[in-house]
Amino acid sequence: MVSRDNSSTSFGAVADVYESARPEYPSDAVAWLLEPAFASGRTPLVADVGAGTGKLTRSIVAAGCDAIAVDPDTAMLDALRVAVPGVPTLVGTAESLPIDDESLDGVLLGQAWHWVDPVAASREIGRVLCPGGVLGLIWNIRDESLPWVRRLNSVVSRGGAVAMFDDGPPPIAVPFDHLEERRWAWSRTVNRSLLTDLVRSRSFYITATADERSSIDQNLAALFDELGLHGSTTIELPYVTRAFRAMRPIG
């Protein structure tokens, strides 16, 4: 969705599945990320970088901000314009933003920072933020405290974000020097079809070979059968949302 390798720009091929399957972000988490952006007293202008189909963009708008959506994948931006009409869209990455210096009150990235070069992205985001502007990073992470979720993650890969968190908080660089963090625990009601689409919206599945996809599908089917997930039967999928923010220094 942002950069780093071909996997990060693979989502456009399944934009409709991505839009329907990926969860929204808790409104309280997005509001916390955006708090510093309202300090000026005016309506904040906030860029959603790696915006995809607009999952985070719509939350930025709902929070009372003017939004700009940035993504390297034109197919994802086409889907975003349908999902979030009226929001300006730009082709770009966290490391190369087609945005003027010091013109934004906030830059947010959802499910995306693990795709970027943190040094180059920090420098570029620092360029476009006004002094005191906020960099916000957010992820919805499946909660592995339940055995069946650990089993699901063993089938579908833990993902780049979880691997990044194994080493600590997300890496940032100048002009940012400190990240605040908050967490929110919640769950989403899902059925077999939605869980299947959730897996099929992941980059590792999109870029897998036909044989690899077949193996994943078989393992998922076995897990879903064991859970009794058939037809409209549902289960609660627990998440932990991890949100981080850092401000561009003033002066």
Protein backbone atom coordinates (compact mmCIF):
# COMPACT_ATOMS: atom_id res chain seq x y z
CA MET A 1 0.00 0.00 0.00
CA VAL A 2 2.87 2.41 0.61
CA SER A 3 6.20 1.19 -0.74
CA ARG A 4 9.01 -1.24 0.21
CA ASP A 5 8.29 -4.09 -2.27
CA ASN A 6 5.82 -5.43 -4.82
CA SER A 7 3.63 -6.87 -2.06
CA SER A 8 2.82 -3.37 -0.87
CA THR A 9 1.22 -2.48 -4.22
CA SER A 10 -0.56 -5.80 -4.75
CA PHE A 11 -3.87 -4.86 -3.16
CA GLY A 12 -5.47 -3.14 -6.14
CA ALA A 13 -6.12 -6.53 -7.75
CA VAL A 14 -8.56 -7.32 -4.92
CA ALA A 15 -9.75 -3.82 -4.00
CA ASP A 16 -13.38 -4.91 -3.67
CA VAL A 17 -12.47 -7.78 -1.33
CA TYR A 18 -10.18 -5.49 0.68
CA GLU A 19 -12.97 -2.95 1.11
CA SER A 20 -15.55 -5.49 2.26
CA ALA A 21 -13.32 -7.66 4.46
CA ARG A 22 -10.95 -5.32 6.30
CA PRO A 23 -12.21 -3.95 9.62
CA GLU A 24 -12.80 -0.29 10.43
CA TYR A 25 -10.74 1.51 13.07
CA PRO A 26 -12.19 2.35 16.51
CA SER A 27 -13.38 5.95 16.43
CA ASP A 28 -11.82 6.63 19.85
CA ALA A 29 -8.43 5.55 18.54
CA VAL A 30 -8.65 7.82 15.50
CA ALA A 31 -9.83 10.73 17.67
CA TRP A 32 -6.81 10.23 19.95
CA LEU A 33 -4.43 10.26 16.98
CA LEU A 34 -5.96 13.50 15.71
CA GLU A 35 -6.11 15.43 19.00
CA PRO A 36 -2.95 17.48 18.28
CA ALA A 37 -4.19 18.38 14.79
CA PHE A 38 -7.00 20.47 16.30
CA ALA A 39 -4.63 22.63 18.37
CA SER A 40 -4.64 25.47 15.82
CA GLY A 41 -8.37 25.99 16.23
CA ARG A 42 -9.06 25.66 12.50
CA THR A 43 -10.39 22.63 10.65
CA PRO A 44 -7.34 20.36 10.32
CA LEU A 45 -6.09 19.21 6.93
CA VAL A 46 -4.95 15.58 7.29
CA ALA A 47 -3.45 13.18 4.76
CA ASP A 48 -4.21 9.47 4.90
CA VAL A 49 -1.04 7.96 3.41
CA GLY A 50 -1.31 4.40 2.12
CA ALA A 51 -5.04 5.10 2.12
CA GLY A 52 -6.10 2.00 0.21
CA THR A 53 -9.87 1.96 -0.18
CA GLY A 54 -10.34 4.63 2.48
CA LYS A 55 -10.89 2.66 5.68
CA LEU A 56 -9.01 5.30 7.68
CA THR A 57 -9.92 8.20 5.38
CA ARG A 58 -13.60 8.00 6.28
CA SER A 59 -12.72 8.03 9.99
CA ILE A 60 -10.60 11.15 9.49
CA VAL A 61 -13.55 12.86 7.78
CA ALA A 62 -15.97 11.68 10.48
CA ALA A 63 -13.68 13.18 13.12
CA GLY A 64 -14.19 16.63 11.58
CA CYS A 65 -11.06 16.98 9.44
CA ASP A 66 -10.54 17.80 5.80
CA ALA A 67 -8.80 14.81 4.24
CA ILE A 68 -6.43 14.02 1.38
CA ALA A 69 -5.94 10.38 0.37
CA VAL A 70 -2.53 9.24 -0.90
CA ASP A 71 -1.71 5.78 -2.27
CA PRO A 72 0.63 4.39 -4.94
CA ASP A 73 -2.07 2.08 -6.33
CA THR A 74 -4.55 3.75 -8.68
CA ALA A 75 -6.99 0.84 -8.44
CA MET A 76 -7.22 1.34 -4.68
CA LEU A 77 -7.78 5.06 -5.17
CA ASP A 78 -10.57 4.30 -7.67
CA ALA A 79 -12.30 2.24 -4.96
CA LEU A 80 -11.67 4.99 -2.39
CA ARG A 81 -13.38 7.62 -4.53
CA VAL A 82 -16.51 5.44 -4.53
CA ALA A 83 -16.34 4.69 -0.79
CA VAL A 84 -15.46 8.24 0.33
CA PRO A 85 -16.75 10.65 -2.33
CA GLY A 86 -15.31 14.14 -2.50
CA VAL A 87 -11.95 13.47 -0.89
CA PRO A 88 -9.01 14.57 -3.08
CA THR A 89 -6.77 11.66 -4.10
CA LEU A 90 -3.08 11.72 -4.98
CA VAL A 91 -0.70 9.05 -6.23
CA GLY A 92 2.30 8.93 -3.92
CA THR A 93 4.11 7.18 -1.09
CA ALA A 94 5.19 8.04 2.42
CA GLU A 95 8.69 8.63 1.09
CA SER A 96 7.54 10.85 -1.80
CA LEU A 97 4.45 12.97 -1.15
CA PRO A 98 3.09 15.31 -3.85
CA ILE A 99 2.16 17.83 -1.13
CA ASP A 100 3.51 21.30 -0.32
CA ASP A 101 5.87 22.02 2.58
CA GLU A 102 4.25 22.64 5.98
CA SER A 103 0.74 22.40 4.53
CA LEU A 104 -0.76 19.64 6.72
CA ASP A 105 -1.89 19.43 10.32
CA GLY A 106 -1.66 15.65 10.36
CA VAL A 107 -0.45 12.61 8.45
CA LEU A 108 -1.96 9.24 9.36
CA LEU A 109 -1.03 5.76 8.16
CA GLY A 110 -3.28 2.76 8.79
CA GLN A 111 -1.81 -0.76 8.49
CA ALA A 112 1.02 0.81 6.55
CA TRP A 113 4.14 1.97 8.39
CA HIS A 114 5.70 -1.51 8.26
CA TRP A 115 5.82 -1.10 4.46
CA VAL A 116 7.88 2.08 4.48
CA ASP A 117 11.49 3.16 4.88
CA PRO A 118 11.10 4.84 8.28
CA VAL A 119 14.01 7.25 7.84
CA ALA A 120 12.94 8.53 4.42
CA ALA A 121 9.24 8.54 5.38
CA SER A 122 9.87 10.43 8.64
CA ARG A 123 11.86 13.06 6.78
CA GLU A 124 9.23 13.47 4.06
CA ILE A 125 6.29 13.58 6.47
CA GLY A 126 8.18 16.10 8.57
CA ARG A 127 8.50 18.25 5.46
CA VAL A 128 4.76 18.38 4.75
CA LEU A 129 3.63 18.81 8.37
CA CYS A 130 3.31 22.24 9.87
CA PRO A 131 5.17 22.78 13.16
CA GLY A 132 3.25 20.95 15.86
CA GLY A 133 1.56 18.72 13.27
CA VAL A 134 0.99 15.07 14.15
CA LEU A 135 2.20 11.82 12.63
CA GLY A 136 -0.26 9.05 13.52
CA LEU A 137 0.26 5.31 13.01
CA ILE A 138 -2.45 2.73 13.63
CA TRP A 139 -2.94 -1.01 13.24
CA ASN A 140 -5.77 -3.45 13.88
CA ILE A 141 -3.99 -6.60 15.13
CA ARG A 142 -5.75 -9.93 15.63
CA ASP A 143 -5.59 -10.82 19.33
CA GLU A 144 -3.68 -14.09 19.73
CA SER A 145 -4.82 -14.64 23.31
CA LEU A 146 -7.42 -17.11 21.96
CA PRO A 147 -6.11 -20.49 20.70
CA TRP A 148 -8.18 -20.44 17.52
CA VAL A 149 -6.76 -17.03 16.56
CA ARG A 150 -3.24 -18.35 17.09
CA ARG A 151 -4.17 -21.24 14.82
CA LEU A 152 -5.56 -18.82 12.22
CA ASN A 153 -2.36 -16.77 12.35
CA SER A 154 -0.27 -19.90 11.89
CA VAL A 155 -2.16 -20.56 8.65
CA VAL A 156 -2.23 -17.05 7.25
CA SER A 157 1.06 -15.53 8.51
CA ARG A 158 1.33 -13.12 11.40
CA GLY A 159 2.07 -10.26 9.02
CA GLY A 160 4.73 -7.61 8.72
CA ALA A 161 3.28 -5.38 11.43
CA VAL A 162 3.38 -8.10 14.10
CA ALA A 163 6.93 -8.98 13.10
CA MET A 164 7.85 -5.30 13.44
CA PHE A 165 6.33 -5.15 16.93
CA ASP A 166 8.54 -8.10 17.97
CA ASP A 167 11.38 -5.56 17.92
CA GLY A 168 9.51 -2.87 19.85
CA PRO A 169 7.53 0.23 18.84
CA PRO A 170 7.47 1.31 15.19
CA PRO A 171 10.80 2.86 14.15
CA ILE A 172 10.76 6.61 13.48
CA ALA A 173 13.47 9.12 12.62
CA VAL A 174 14.09 12.88 12.57
CA PRO A 175 12.31 15.20 12.89
CA PHE A 176 10.31 12.88 15.20
CA ASP A 177 11.88 11.61 18.39
CA HIS A 178 9.15 10.20 20.61
CA LEU A 179 6.04 8.05 20.10
CA GLU A 180 3.07 7.97 22.45
CA GLU A 181 1.03 4.76 22.37
CA ARG A 182 -2.53 3.77 23.25
CA ARG A 183 -4.34 0.45 22.82
CA TRP A 184 -7.98 -0.54 22.40
CA ALA A 185 -9.37 -4.10 22.72
CA TRP A 186 -12.51 -4.97 20.78
CA SER A 187 -14.03 -7.71 18.65
CA ARG A 188 -15.71 -8.10 15.30
CA THR A 189 -18.49 -10.53 14.42
CA VAL A 190 -17.41 -12.62 11.43
CA ASN A 191 -18.61 -15.67 9.52
CA ARG A 192 -16.81 -18.15 7.30
CA SER A 193 -17.19 -16.05 4.15
CA LEU A 194 -15.91 -12.86 5.78
CA LEU A 195 -12.93 -14.63 7.35
CA THR A 196 -12.08 -16.16 3.98
CA ASP A 197 -12.20 -12.76 2.31
CA LEU A 198 -10.11 -11.27 5.11
CA VAL A 199 -7.36 -13.79 4.32
CA ARG A 200 -7.69 -13.23 0.58
CA SER A 201 -7.20 -9.49 1.06
CA ARG A 202 -3.73 -10.06 2.54
CA SER A 203 -0.63 -9.44 0.44
CA PHE A 204 0.91 -12.83 1.20
CA TYR A 205 -2.17 -14.53 -0.27
CA ILE A 206 -2.49 -12.20 -3.25
CA THR A 207 1.13 -12.79 -4.26
CA ALA A 208 1.19 -16.53 -3.49
CA THR A 209 1.42 -19.21 -6.18
CA ALA A 210 -1.63 -21.26 -7.11
CA ASP A 211 -0.30 -24.22 -5.10
CA GLU A 212 0.38 -22.04 -2.08
CA ARG A 213 -3.13 -20.58 -2.23
CA SER A 214 -4.62 -24.07 -2.48
CA SER A 215 -2.74 -25.16 0.65
CA ILE A 216 -3.87 -22.07 2.56
CA ASP A 217 -7.48 -22.62 1.48
CA GLN A 218 -7.39 -26.25 2.64
CA ASN A 219 -5.95 -25.36 6.03
CA LEU A 220 -8.50 -22.58 6.49
CA ALA A 221 -11.36 -24.89 5.58
CA ALA A 222 -10.19 -27.42 8.16
CA LEU A 223 -10.01 -24.73 10.86
CA PHE A 224 -13.42 -23.33 10.00
CA ASP A 225 -14.94 -26.82 10.05
CA GLU A 226 -13.48 -27.44 13.51
CA LEU A 227 -14.96 -24.14 14.70
CA GLY A 228 -18.36 -25.09 13.29
CA LEU A 229 -18.37 -22.06 10.98
CA HIS A 230 -20.89 -22.94 8.28
CA GLY A 231 -23.23 -20.65 6.37
CA SER A 232 -24.37 -17.75 8.53
CA THR A 233 -22.82 -19.08 11.76
CA THR A 234 -20.70 -16.36 13.37
CA ILE A 235 -17.81 -16.04 15.78
CA GLU A 236 -16.18 -13.09 17.53
CA LEU A 237 -12.75 -12.23 16.15
CA PRO A 238 -10.85 -10.27 18.82
CA TYR A 239 -8.57 -7.38 17.91
CA VAL A 240 -6.17 -5.06 19.66
CA THR A 241 -5.82 -1.69 17.97
CA ARG A 242 -2.41 -0.16 18.56
CA ALA A 243 -2.09 3.56 17.87
CA PHE A 244 1.02 5.74 18.02
CA ARG A 245 1.51 9.46 17.55
CA ALA A 246 4.43 11.87 17.37
CA MET A 247 4.49 15.62 16.84
CA ARG A 248 6.75 17.62 14.55
CA PRO A 249 8.73 19.91 16.85
CA ILE A 250 7.84 23.60 16.98
CA GLY A 251 10.80 25.84 16.27
